[in-house]
Amino acid sequence: MEALYIEGKQQGAQLDIGNSGVQTGPLPAGVYKVYTPVDVRVKIDAANAADVTPLTGDIVLKGNTEKYHVPEGSRIGVVAARDGLTGKFEYHWVGRSF
């Protein structure tokens, strides 16, 4: 059975999904579980994750969750996979880095 380690961790501030990329601030190292109500593209980068485009990054389909390893100080960037999609992107630290 897979278990998530979230003790003492809060969900991060939600990001507004739209036609332009947005990003979190620098994050502590760890595994992050993300959720999106619309199709998005996701990028992890230490310098600039907001430059993710609908043609780059990993796709996360609406209503699904994915887990990503985020190195110390890196950011999660997100953009709508198609014009006109909007919603709130959620992320939560769920485990230690490997």
PDB file of N, CA and C in Angstrom:
ATOM      1  N   MET A   1       0.835  -1.169   0.000  1.00  0.00           N
ATOM      2  CA  MET A   1       0.000   0.000   0.000  1.00  0.00           C
ATOM      3  C   MET A   1       0.887   1.242   0.000  1.00  0.00           C
ATOM      4  N   GLU A   2       0.547   2.198  -0.848  1.00  0.00           N
ATOM      5  CA  GLU A   2       1.269   3.458  -0.912  1.00  0.00           C
ATOM      6  C   GLU A   2       0.683   4.428   0.101  1.00  0.00           C
ATOM      7  N   ALA A   3       1.539   5.082   0.858  1.00  0.00           N
ATOM      8  CA  ALA A   3       1.086   6.055   1.844  1.00  0.00           C
ATOM      9  C   ALA A   3       1.789   7.376   1.590  1.00  0.00           C
ATOM     10  N   LEU A   4       1.088   8.462   1.847  1.00  0.00           N
ATOM     11  CA  LEU A   4       1.652   9.795   1.699  1.00  0.00           C
ATOM     12  C   LEU A   4       2.047  10.314   3.066  1.00  0.00           C
ATOM     13  N   TYR A   5       3.187  10.992   3.134  1.00  0.00           N
ATOM     14  CA  TYR A   5       3.673  11.556   4.385  1.00  0.00           C
ATOM     15  C   TYR A   5       3.402  13.057   4.356  1.00  0.00           C
ATOM     16  N   ILE A   6       2.316  13.514   4.973  1.00  0.00           N
ATOM     17  CA  ILE A   6       1.950  14.932   4.913  1.00  0.00           C
ATOM     18  C   ILE A   6       1.941  15.602   6.280  1.00  0.00           C
ATOM     19  N   GLU A   7       2.335  14.896   7.328  1.00  0.00           N
ATOM     20  CA  GLU A   7       2.300  15.479   8.664  1.00  0.00           C
ATOM     21  C   GLU A   7       3.070  16.796   8.684  1.00  0.00           C
ATOM     22  N   GLY A   8       2.416  17.830   9.181  1.00  0.00           N
ATOM     23  CA  GLY A   8       3.053  19.133   9.291  1.00  0.00           C
ATOM     24  C   GLY A   8       3.150  19.906   7.997  1.00  0.00           C
ATOM     25  N   LYS A   9       2.554  19.408   6.938  1.00  0.00           N
ATOM     26  CA  LYS A   9       2.617  20.072   5.627  1.00  0.00           C
ATOM     27  C   LYS A   9       1.246  20.596   5.239  1.00  0.00           C
ATOM     28  N   GLN A  10       1.221  21.790   4.659  1.00  0.00           N
ATOM     29  CA  GLN A  10      -0.005  22.404   4.178  1.00  0.00           C
ATOM     30  C   GLN A  10      -0.015  22.407   2.656  1.00  0.00           C
ATOM     31  N   GLN A  11      -1.207  22.454   2.091  1.00  0.00           N
ATOM     32  CA  GLN A  11      -1.312  22.634   0.646  1.00  0.00           C
ATOM     33  C   GLN A  11      -0.699  23.989   0.305  1.00  0.00           C
ATOM     34  N   GLY A  12       0.002  24.063  -0.828  1.00  0.00           N
ATOM     35  CA  GLY A  12       0.565  25.333  -1.270  1.00  0.00           C
ATOM     36  C   GLY A  12      -0.529  26.260  -1.777  1.00  0.00           C
ATOM     37  N   ALA A  13      -0.173  27.526  -1.935  1.00  0.00           N
ATOM     38  CA  ALA A  13      -1.128  28.501  -2.471  1.00  0.00           C
ATOM     39  C   ALA A  13      -1.530  28.100  -3.891  1.00  0.00           C
ATOM     40  N   GLN A  14      -2.822  28.055  -4.167  1.00  0.00           N
ATOM     41  CA  GLN A  14      -3.297  27.645  -5.483  1.00  0.00           C
ATOM     42  C   GLN A  14      -2.834  28.636  -6.547  1.00  0.00           C
ATOM     43  N   LEU A  15      -2.582  28.099  -7.747  1.00  0.00           N
ATOM     44  CA  LEU A  15      -2.196  28.924  -8.887  1.00  0.00           C
ATOM     45  C   LEU A  15      -3.380  29.056  -9.833  1.00  0.00           C
ATOM     46  N   ASP A  16      -3.567  30.247 -10.398  1.00  0.00           N
ATOM     47  CA  ASP A  16      -4.625  30.471 -11.388  1.00  0.00           C
ATOM     48  C   ASP A  16      -4.175  29.957 -12.741  1.00  0.00           C
ATOM     49  N   ILE A  17      -4.880  28.976 -13.263  1.00  0.00           N
ATOM     50  CA  ILE A  17      -4.571  28.400 -14.572  1.00  0.00           C
ATOM     51  C   ILE A  17      -5.145  29.310 -15.648  1.00  0.00           C
ATOM     52  N   GLY A  18      -4.348  29.574 -16.679  1.00  0.00           N
ATOM     53  CA  GLY A  18      -4.807  30.393 -17.790  1.00  0.00           C
ATOM     54  C   GLY A  18      -3.904  30.207 -18.997  1.00  0.00           C
ATOM     55  N   ASN A  19      -3.986  31.154 -19.928  1.00  0.00           N
ATOM     56  CA  ASN A  19      -3.230  31.070 -21.181  1.00  0.00           C
ATOM     57  C   ASN A  19      -1.761  31.441 -21.031  1.00  0.00           C
ATOM     58  N   SER A  20      -1.378  32.044 -19.909  1.00  0.00           N
ATOM     59  CA  SER A  20       0.012  32.390 -19.632  1.00  0.00           C
ATOM     60  C   SER A  20       0.515  31.539 -18.476  1.00  0.00           C
ATOM     61  N   GLY A  21       1.770  31.149 -18.555  1.00  0.00           N
ATOM     62  CA  GLY A  21       2.354  30.343 -17.497  1.00  0.00           C
ATOM     63  C   GLY A  21       2.485  31.102 -16.193  1.00  0.00           C
ATOM     64  N   VAL A  22       2.263  30.409 -15.097  1.00  0.00           N
ATOM     65  CA  VAL A  22       2.462  30.933 -13.750  1.00  0.00           C
ATOM     66  C   VAL A  22       3.291  29.917 -12.980  1.00  0.00           C
ATOM     67  N   GLN A  23       3.889  30.355 -11.874  1.00  0.00           N
ATOM     68  CA  GLN A  23       4.739  29.439 -11.115  1.00  0.00           C
ATOM     69  C   GLN A  23       4.617  29.674  -9.625  1.00  0.00           C
ATOM     70  N   THR A  24       5.000  28.658  -8.873  1.00  0.00           N
ATOM     71  CA  THR A  24       5.113  28.776  -7.425  1.00  0.00           C
ATOM     72  C   THR A  24       6.373  29.567  -7.112  1.00  0.00           C
ATOM     73  N   GLY A  25       6.540  29.905  -5.863  1.00  0.00           N
ATOM     74  CA  GLY A  25       7.827  30.395  -5.406  1.00  0.00           C
ATOM     75  C   GLY A  25       8.767  29.214  -5.245  1.00  0.00           C
ATOM     76  N   PRO A  26      10.021  29.452  -4.861  1.00  0.00           N
ATOM     77  CA  PRO A  26      10.939  28.354  -4.605  1.00  0.00           C
ATOM     78  C   PRO A  26      10.380  27.425  -3.526  1.00  0.00           C
ATOM     79  N   LEU A  27      10.485  26.129  -3.768  1.00  0.00           N
ATOM     80  CA  LEU A  27       9.888  25.130  -2.874  1.00  0.00           C
ATOM     81  C   LEU A  27      10.949  24.310  -2.154  1.00  0.00           C
ATOM     82  N   PRO A  28      10.610  23.792  -0.963  1.00  0.00           N
ATOM     83  CA  PRO A  28      11.494  22.832  -0.311  1.00  0.00           C
ATOM     84  C   PRO A  28      11.544  21.539  -1.136  1.00  0.00           C
ATOM     85  N   ALA A  29      12.662  20.865  -1.098  1.00  0.00           N
ATOM     86  CA  ALA A  29      12.784  19.599  -1.825  1.00  0.00           C
ATOM     87  C   ALA A  29      11.747  18.608  -1.342  1.00  0.00           C
ATOM     88  N   GLY A  30      11.235  17.819  -2.259  1.00  0.00           N
ATOM     89  CA  GLY A  30      10.275  16.793  -1.893  1.00  0.00           C
ATOM     90  C   GLY A  30       9.490  16.303  -3.077  1.00  0.00           C
ATOM     91  N   VAL A  31       8.568  15.417  -2.784  1.00  0.00           N
ATOM     92  CA  VAL A  31       7.636  14.914  -3.789  1.00  0.00           C
ATOM     93  C   VAL A  31       6.342  15.684  -3.593  1.00  0.00           C
ATOM     94  N   TYR A  32       5.829  16.233  -4.685  1.00  0.00           N
ATOM     95  CA  TYR A  32       4.608  17.030  -4.644  1.00  0.00           C
ATOM     96  C   TYR A  32       3.526  16.344  -5.466  1.00  0.00           C
ATOM     97  N   LYS A  33       2.350  16.265  -4.874  1.00  0.00           N
ATOM     98  CA  LYS A  33       1.172  15.752  -5.577  1.00  0.00           C
ATOM     99  C   LYS A  33       0.419  16.965  -6.095  1.00  0.00           C
ATOM    100  N   VAL A  34       0.073  16.937  -7.395  1.00  0.00           N
ATOM    101  CA  VAL A  34      -0.632  18.071  -7.988  1.00  0.00           C
ATOM    102  C   VAL A  34      -1.992  17.605  -8.495  1.00  0.00           C
ATOM    103  N   TYR A  35      -2.938  18.552  -8.526  1.00  0.00           N
ATOM    104  CA  TYR A  35      -4.284  18.289  -9.042  1.00  0.00           C
ATOM    105  C   TYR A  35      -4.700  19.460  -9.920  1.00  0.00           C
ATOM    106  N   THR A  36      -5.405  19.150 -10.994  1.00  0.00           N
ATOM    107  CA  THR A  36      -5.900  20.190 -11.884  1.00  0.00           C
ATOM    108  C   THR A  36      -7.311  19.855 -12.369  1.00  0.00           C
ATOM    109  N   PRO A  37      -8.206  20.850 -12.403  1.00  0.00           N
ATOM    110  CA  PRO A  37      -9.565  20.617 -12.895  1.00  0.00           C
ATOM    111  C   PRO A  37      -9.675  20.748 -14.418  1.00  0.00           C
ATOM    112  N   VAL A  38      -8.583  21.178 -15.080  1.00  0.00           N
ATOM    113  CA  VAL A  38      -8.552  21.292 -16.546  1.00  0.00           C
ATOM    114  C   VAL A  38      -7.217  20.741 -17.041  1.00  0.00           C
ATOM    115  N   ASP A  39      -7.112  20.436 -18.332  1.00  0.00           N
ATOM    116  CA  ASP A  39      -5.853  19.960 -18.901  1.00  0.00           C
ATOM    117  C   ASP A  39      -4.791  21.053 -18.824  1.00  0.00           C
ATOM    118  N   VAL A  40      -3.604  20.693 -18.309  1.00  0.00           N
ATOM    119  CA  VAL A  40      -2.512  21.654 -18.172  1.00  0.00           C
ATOM    120  C   VAL A  40      -1.190  21.026 -18.602  1.00  0.00           C
ATOM    121  N   ARG A  41      -0.199  21.887 -18.755  1.00  0.00           N
ATOM    122  CA  ARG A  41       1.196  21.475 -18.923  1.00  0.00           C
ATOM    123  C   ARG A  41       1.951  21.948 -17.692  1.00  0.00           C
ATOM    124  N   VAL A  42       2.862  21.107 -17.192  1.00  0.00           N
ATOM    125  CA  VAL A  42       3.609  21.372 -15.962  1.00  0.00           C
ATOM    126  C   VAL A  42       5.100  21.335 -16.248  1.00  0.00           C
ATOM    127  N   LYS A  43       5.824  22.243 -15.622  1.00  0.00           N
ATOM    128  CA  LYS A  43       7.285  22.290 -15.739  1.00  0.00           C
ATOM    129  C   LYS A  43       7.870  22.494 -14.345  1.00  0.00           C
ATOM    130  N   ILE A  44       8.995  21.836 -14.069  1.00  0.00           N
ATOM    131  CA  ILE A  44       9.745  22.036 -12.828  1.00  0.00           C
ATOM    132  C   ILE A  44      11.079  22.668 -13.221  1.00  0.00           C
ATOM    133  N   ASP A  45      11.423  23.798 -12.588  1.00  0.00           N
ATOM    134  CA  ASP A  45      12.673  24.478 -12.941  1.00  0.00           C
ATOM    135  C   ASP A  45      13.101  25.358 -11.773  1.00  0.00           C
ATOM    136  N   ALA A  46      14.398  25.463 -11.564  1.00  0.00           N
ATOM    137  CA  ALA A  46      14.911  26.287 -10.474  1.00  0.00           C
ATOM    138  C   ALA A  46      14.869  27.770 -10.807  1.00  0.00           C
ATOM    139  N   ALA A  47      15.080  28.128 -12.061  1.00  0.00           N
ATOM    140  CA  ALA A  47      15.160  29.540 -12.435  1.00  0.00           C
ATOM    141  C   ALA A  47      13.828  30.105 -12.897  1.00  0.00           C
ATOM    142  N   ASN A  48      13.177  29.435 -13.847  1.00  0.00           N
ATOM    143  CA  ASN A  48      11.942  29.965 -14.430  1.00  0.00           C
ATOM    144  C   ASN A  48      11.063  28.825 -14.917  1.00  0.00           C
ATOM    145  N   ALA A  49      10.018  28.527 -14.168  1.00  0.00           N
ATOM    146  CA  ALA A  49       9.062  27.502 -14.594  1.00  0.00           C
ATOM    147  C   ALA A  49       7.839  28.125 -15.250  1.00  0.00           C
ATOM    148  N   ALA A  50       7.721  29.459 -15.180  1.00  0.00           N
ATOM    149  CA  ALA A  50       6.563  30.147 -15.752  1.00  0.00           C
ATOM    150  C   ALA A  50       6.622  30.222 -17.271  1.00  0.00           C
ATOM    151  N   ASP A  51       7.760  29.843 -17.871  1.00  0.00           N
ATOM    152  CA  ASP A  51       7.855  29.872 -19.331  1.00  0.00           C
ATOM    153  C   ASP A  51       7.317  28.590 -19.979  1.00  0.00           C
ATOM    154  N   VAL A  52       6.658  27.755 -19.195  1.00  0.00           N
ATOM    155  CA  VAL A  52       5.996  26.562 -19.737  1.00  0.00           C
ATOM    156  C   VAL A  52       4.932  27.011 -20.746  1.00  0.00           C
ATOM    157  N   THR A  53       4.762  26.240 -21.824  1.00  0.00           N
ATOM    158  CA  THR A  53       3.779  26.581 -22.855  1.00  0.00           C
ATOM    159  C   THR A  53       2.867  25.381 -23.099  1.00  0.00           C
ATOM    160  N   PRO A  54       1.778  25.576 -23.845  1.00  0.00           N
ATOM    161  CA  PRO A  54       0.899  24.448 -24.165  1.00  0.00           C
ATOM    162  C   PRO A  54       1.573  23.360 -25.009  1.00  0.00           C
ATOM    163  N   LEU A  55       2.779  23.620 -25.490  1.00  0.00           N
ATOM    164  CA  LEU A  55       3.503  22.631 -26.291  1.00  0.00           C
ATOM    165  C   LEU A  55       4.705  22.051 -25.563  1.00  0.00           C
ATOM    166  N   THR A  56       4.951  22.515 -24.329  1.00  0.00           N
ATOM    167  CA  THR A  56       6.092  22.012 -23.559  1.00  0.00           C
ATOM    168  C   THR A  56       5.616  21.527 -22.194  1.00  0.00           C
ATOM    169  N   GLY A  57       6.486  20.909 -21.466  1.00  0.00           N
ATOM    170  CA  GLY A  57       6.128  20.426 -20.131  1.00  0.00           C
ATOM    171  C   GLY A  57       5.358  19.116 -20.195  1.00  0.00           C
ATOM    172  N   ASP A  58       5.116  18.579 -19.034  1.00  0.00           N
ATOM    173  CA  ASP A  58       4.380  17.324 -18.902  1.00  0.00           C
ATOM    174  C   ASP A  58       2.886  17.620 -18.854  1.00  0.00           C
ATOM    175  N   ILE A  59       2.086  16.815 -19.527  1.00  0.00           N
ATOM    176  CA  ILE A  59       0.643  17.054 -19.521  1.00  0.00           C
ATOM    177  C   ILE A  59      -0.004  16.365 -18.317  1.00  0.00           C
ATOM    178  N   VAL A  60      -0.904  17.081 -17.683  1.00  0.00           N
ATOM    179  CA  VAL A  60      -1.754  16.517 -16.633  1.00  0.00           C
ATOM    180  C   VAL A  60      -3.185  16.760 -17.089  1.00  0.00           C
ATOM    181  N   LEU A  61      -3.934  15.694 -17.236  1.00  0.00           N
ATOM    182  CA  LEU A  61      -5.299  15.791 -17.734  1.00  0.00           C
ATOM    183  C   LEU A  61      -6.270  16.143 -16.616  1.00  0.00           C
ATOM    184  N   LYS A  62      -7.329  16.854 -16.973  1.00  0.00           N
ATOM    185  CA  LYS A  62      -8.285  17.355 -15.986  1.00  0.00           C
ATOM    186  C   LYS A  62      -8.786  16.237 -15.073  1.00  0.00           C
ATOM    187  N   GLY A  63      -8.952  16.605 -13.819  1.00  0.00           N
ATOM    188  CA  GLY A  63      -9.481  15.678 -12.832  1.00  0.00           C
ATOM    189  C   GLY A  63      -8.488  14.655 -12.320  1.00  0.00           C
ATOM    190  N   ASN A  64      -7.241  14.735 -12.776  1.00  0.00           N
ATOM    191  CA  ASN A  64      -6.234  13.757 -12.363  1.00  0.00           C
ATOM    192  C   ASN A  64      -5.220  14.371 -11.416  1.00  0.00           C
ATOM    193  N   THR A  65      -4.495  13.497 -10.733  1.00  0.00           N
ATOM    194  CA  THR A  65      -3.369  13.910  -9.909  1.00  0.00           C
ATOM    195  C   THR A  65      -2.117  13.251 -10.453  1.00  0.00           C
ATOM    196  N   GLU A  66      -1.000  13.888 -10.239  1.00  0.00           N
ATOM    197  CA  GLU A  66       0.323  13.354 -10.579  1.00  0.00           C
ATOM    198  C   GLU A  66       1.254  13.690  -9.426  1.00  0.00           C
ATOM    199  N   LYS A  67       2.365  12.970  -9.331  1.00  0.00           N
ATOM    200  CA  LYS A  67       3.385  13.267  -8.329  1.00  0.00           C
ATOM    201  C   LYS A  67       4.679  13.628  -9.047  1.00  0.00           C
ATOM    202  N   TYR A  68       5.342  14.669  -8.542  1.00  0.00           N
ATOM    203  CA  TYR A  68       6.590  15.144  -9.123  1.00  0.00           C
ATOM    204  C   TYR A  68       7.644  15.331  -8.043  1.00  0.00           C
ATOM    205  N   HIS A  69       8.878  14.938  -8.356  1.00  0.00           N
ATOM    206  CA  HIS A  69      10.026  15.227  -7.503  1.00  0.00           C
ATOM    207  C   HIS A  69      10.453  16.665  -7.806  1.00  0.00           C
ATOM    208  N   VAL A  70      10.577  17.482  -6.776  1.00  0.00           N
ATOM    209  CA  VAL A  70      10.998  18.872  -6.929  1.00  0.00           C
ATOM    210  C   VAL A  70      12.279  19.066  -6.128  1.00  0.00           C
ATOM    211  N   PRO A  71      13.394  19.384  -6.806  1.00  0.00           N
ATOM    212  CA  PRO A  71      14.637  19.647  -6.082  1.00  0.00           C
ATOM    213  C   PRO A  71      14.536  20.916  -5.228  1.00  0.00           C
ATOM    214  N   GLU A  72      15.392  21.021  -4.236  1.00  0.00           N
ATOM    215  CA  GLU A  72      15.415  22.186  -3.340  1.00  0.00           C
ATOM    216  C   GLU A  72      15.483  23.485  -4.134  1.00  0.00           C
ATOM    217  N   GLY A  73      14.551  24.403  -3.847  1.00  0.00           N
ATOM    218  CA  GLY A  73      14.552  25.718  -4.475  1.00  0.00           C
ATOM    219  C   GLY A  73      13.923  25.798  -5.852  1.00  0.00           C
ATOM    220  N   SER A  74      13.496  24.676  -6.392  1.00  0.00           N
ATOM    221  CA  SER A  74      12.858  24.707  -7.716  1.00  0.00           C
ATOM    222  C   SER A  74      11.410  25.142  -7.591  1.00  0.00           C
ATOM    223  N   ARG A  75      10.811  25.454  -8.723  1.00  0.00           N
ATOM    224  CA  ARG A  75       9.439  25.943  -8.793  1.00  0.00           C
ATOM    225  C   ARG A  75       8.615  25.019  -9.677  1.00  0.00           C
ATOM    226  N   ILE A  76       7.313  25.025  -9.462  1.00  0.00           N
ATOM    227  CA  ILE A  76       6.381  24.311 -10.335  1.00  0.00           C
ATOM    228  C   ILE A  76       5.678  25.365 -11.180  1.00  0.00           C
ATOM    229  N   GLY A  77       5.754  25.207 -12.500  1.00  0.00           N
ATOM    230  CA  GLY A  77       5.070  26.108 -13.414  1.00  0.00           C
ATOM    231  C   GLY A  77       3.922  25.381 -14.089  1.00  0.00           C
ATOM    232  N   VAL A  78       2.862  26.129 -14.433  1.00  0.00           N
ATOM    233  CA  VAL A  78       1.686  25.526 -15.041  1.00  0.00           C
ATOM    234  C   VAL A  78       1.057  26.506 -16.027  1.00  0.00           C
ATOM    235  N   VAL A  79       0.488  25.947 -17.098  1.00  0.00           N
ATOM    236  CA  VAL A  79      -0.239  26.726 -18.097  1.00  0.00           C
ATOM    237  C   VAL A  79      -1.363  25.852 -18.646  1.00  0.00           C
ATOM    238  N   ALA A  80      -2.447  26.476 -19.060  1.00  0.00           N
ATOM    239  CA  ALA A  80      -3.553  25.730 -19.675  1.00  0.00           C
ATOM    240  C   ALA A  80      -3.047  25.044 -20.943  1.00  0.00           C
ATOM    241  N   ALA A  81      -3.497  23.820 -21.179  1.00  0.00           N
ATOM    242  CA  ALA A  81      -3.067  23.069 -22.360  1.00  0.00           C
ATOM    243  C   ALA A  81      -3.721  23.591 -23.642  1.00  0.00           C
ATOM    244  N   ARG A  82      -4.831  24.325 -23.505  1.00  0.00           N
ATOM    245  CA  ARG A  82      -5.526  24.917 -24.657  1.00  0.00           C
ATOM    246  C   ARG A  82      -6.066  26.286 -24.255  1.00  0.00           C
ATOM    247  N   ASP A  83      -6.191  27.185 -25.200  1.00  0.00           N
ATOM    248  CA  ASP A  83      -6.756  28.511 -24.939  1.00  0.00           C
ATOM    249  C   ASP A  83      -8.128  28.400 -24.288  1.00  0.00           C
ATOM    250  N   GLY A  84      -8.379  29.291 -23.339  1.00  0.00           N
ATOM    251  CA  GLY A  84      -9.699  29.400 -22.725  1.00  0.00           C
ATOM    252  C   GLY A  84      -9.930  28.544 -21.498  1.00  0.00           C
ATOM    253  N   LEU A  85      -9.020  27.635 -21.189  1.00  0.00           N
ATOM    254  CA  LEU A  85      -9.198  26.799 -19.999  1.00  0.00           C
ATOM    255  C   LEU A  85      -8.756  27.592 -18.767  1.00  0.00           C
ATOM    256  N   THR A  86      -9.552  27.531 -17.712  1.00  0.00           N
ATOM    257  CA  THR A  86      -9.198  28.207 -16.467  1.00  0.00           C
ATOM    258  C   THR A  86      -9.546  27.312 -15.285  1.00  0.00           C
ATOM    259  N   GLY A  87      -8.950  27.607 -14.175  1.00  0.00           N
ATOM    260  CA  GLY A  87      -9.212  26.854 -12.958  1.00  0.00           C
ATOM    261  C   GLY A  87      -8.113  27.114 -11.950  1.00  0.00           C
ATOM    262  N   LYS A  88      -8.086  26.325 -10.903  1.00  0.00           N
ATOM    263  CA  LYS A  88      -7.093  26.457  -9.836  1.00  0.00           C
ATOM    264  C   LYS A  88      -6.220  25.206  -9.810  1.00  0.00           C
ATOM    265  N   PHE A  89      -4.921  25.403  -9.878  1.00  0.00           N
ATOM    266  CA  PHE A  89      -3.936  24.327  -9.807  1.00  0.00           C
ATOM    267  C   PHE A  89      -3.536  24.161  -8.347  1.00  0.00           C
ATOM    268  N   GLU A  90      -3.619  22.925  -7.851  1.00  0.00           N
ATOM    269  CA  GLU A  90      -3.301  22.648  -6.455  1.00  0.00           C
ATOM    270  C   GLU A  90      -2.056  21.776  -6.356  1.00  0.00           C
ATOM    271  N   TYR A  91      -1.263  22.010  -5.318  1.00  0.00           N
ATOM    272  CA  TYR A  91      -0.076  21.188  -5.081  1.00  0.00           C
ATOM    273  C   TYR A  91       0.126  21.021  -3.579  1.00  0.00           C
ATOM    274  N   HIS A  92       0.685  19.867  -3.214  1.00  0.00           N
ATOM    275  CA  HIS A  92       0.858  19.543  -1.795  1.00  0.00           C
ATOM    276  C   HIS A  92       2.111  18.685  -1.662  1.00  0.00           C
ATOM    277  N   TRP A  93       2.972  19.031  -0.713  1.00  0.00           N
ATOM    278  CA  TRP A  93       4.160  18.232  -0.406  1.00  0.00           C
ATOM    279  C   TRP A  93       3.685  16.930   0.227  1.00  0.00           C
ATOM    280  N   VAL A  94       4.103  15.785  -0.336  1.00  0.00           N
ATOM    281  CA  VAL A  94       3.604  14.498   0.157  1.00  0.00           C
ATOM    282  C   VAL A  94       4.691  13.503   0.523  1.00  0.00           C
ATOM    283  N   GLY A  95       5.951  13.881   0.349  1.00  0.00           N
ATOM    284  CA  GLY A  95       7.001  12.934   0.695  1.00  0.00           C
ATOM    285  C   GLY A  95       8.388  13.512   0.550  1.00  0.00           C
ATOM    286  N   ARG A  96       9.324  12.840   1.143  1.00  0.00           N
ATOM    287  CA  ARG A  96      10.723  13.249   1.091  1.00  0.00           C
ATOM    288  C   ARG A  96      11.297  13.012  -0.297  1.00  0.00           C
ATOM    289  N   SER A  97      12.320  13.776  -0.626  1.00  0.00           N
ATOM    290  CA  SER A  97      13.001  13.595  -1.902  1.00  0.00           C
ATOM    291  C   SER A  97      13.755  12.278  -1.909  1.00  0.00           C
ATOM    292  N   PHE A  98      13.993  11.778  -3.096  1.00  0.00           N
ATOM    293  CA  PHE A  98      14.773  10.542  -3.227  1.00  0.00           C
ATOM    294  C   PHE A  98      16.141  10.833  -3.775  1.00  0.00           C
TER     295      PHE A  98
END
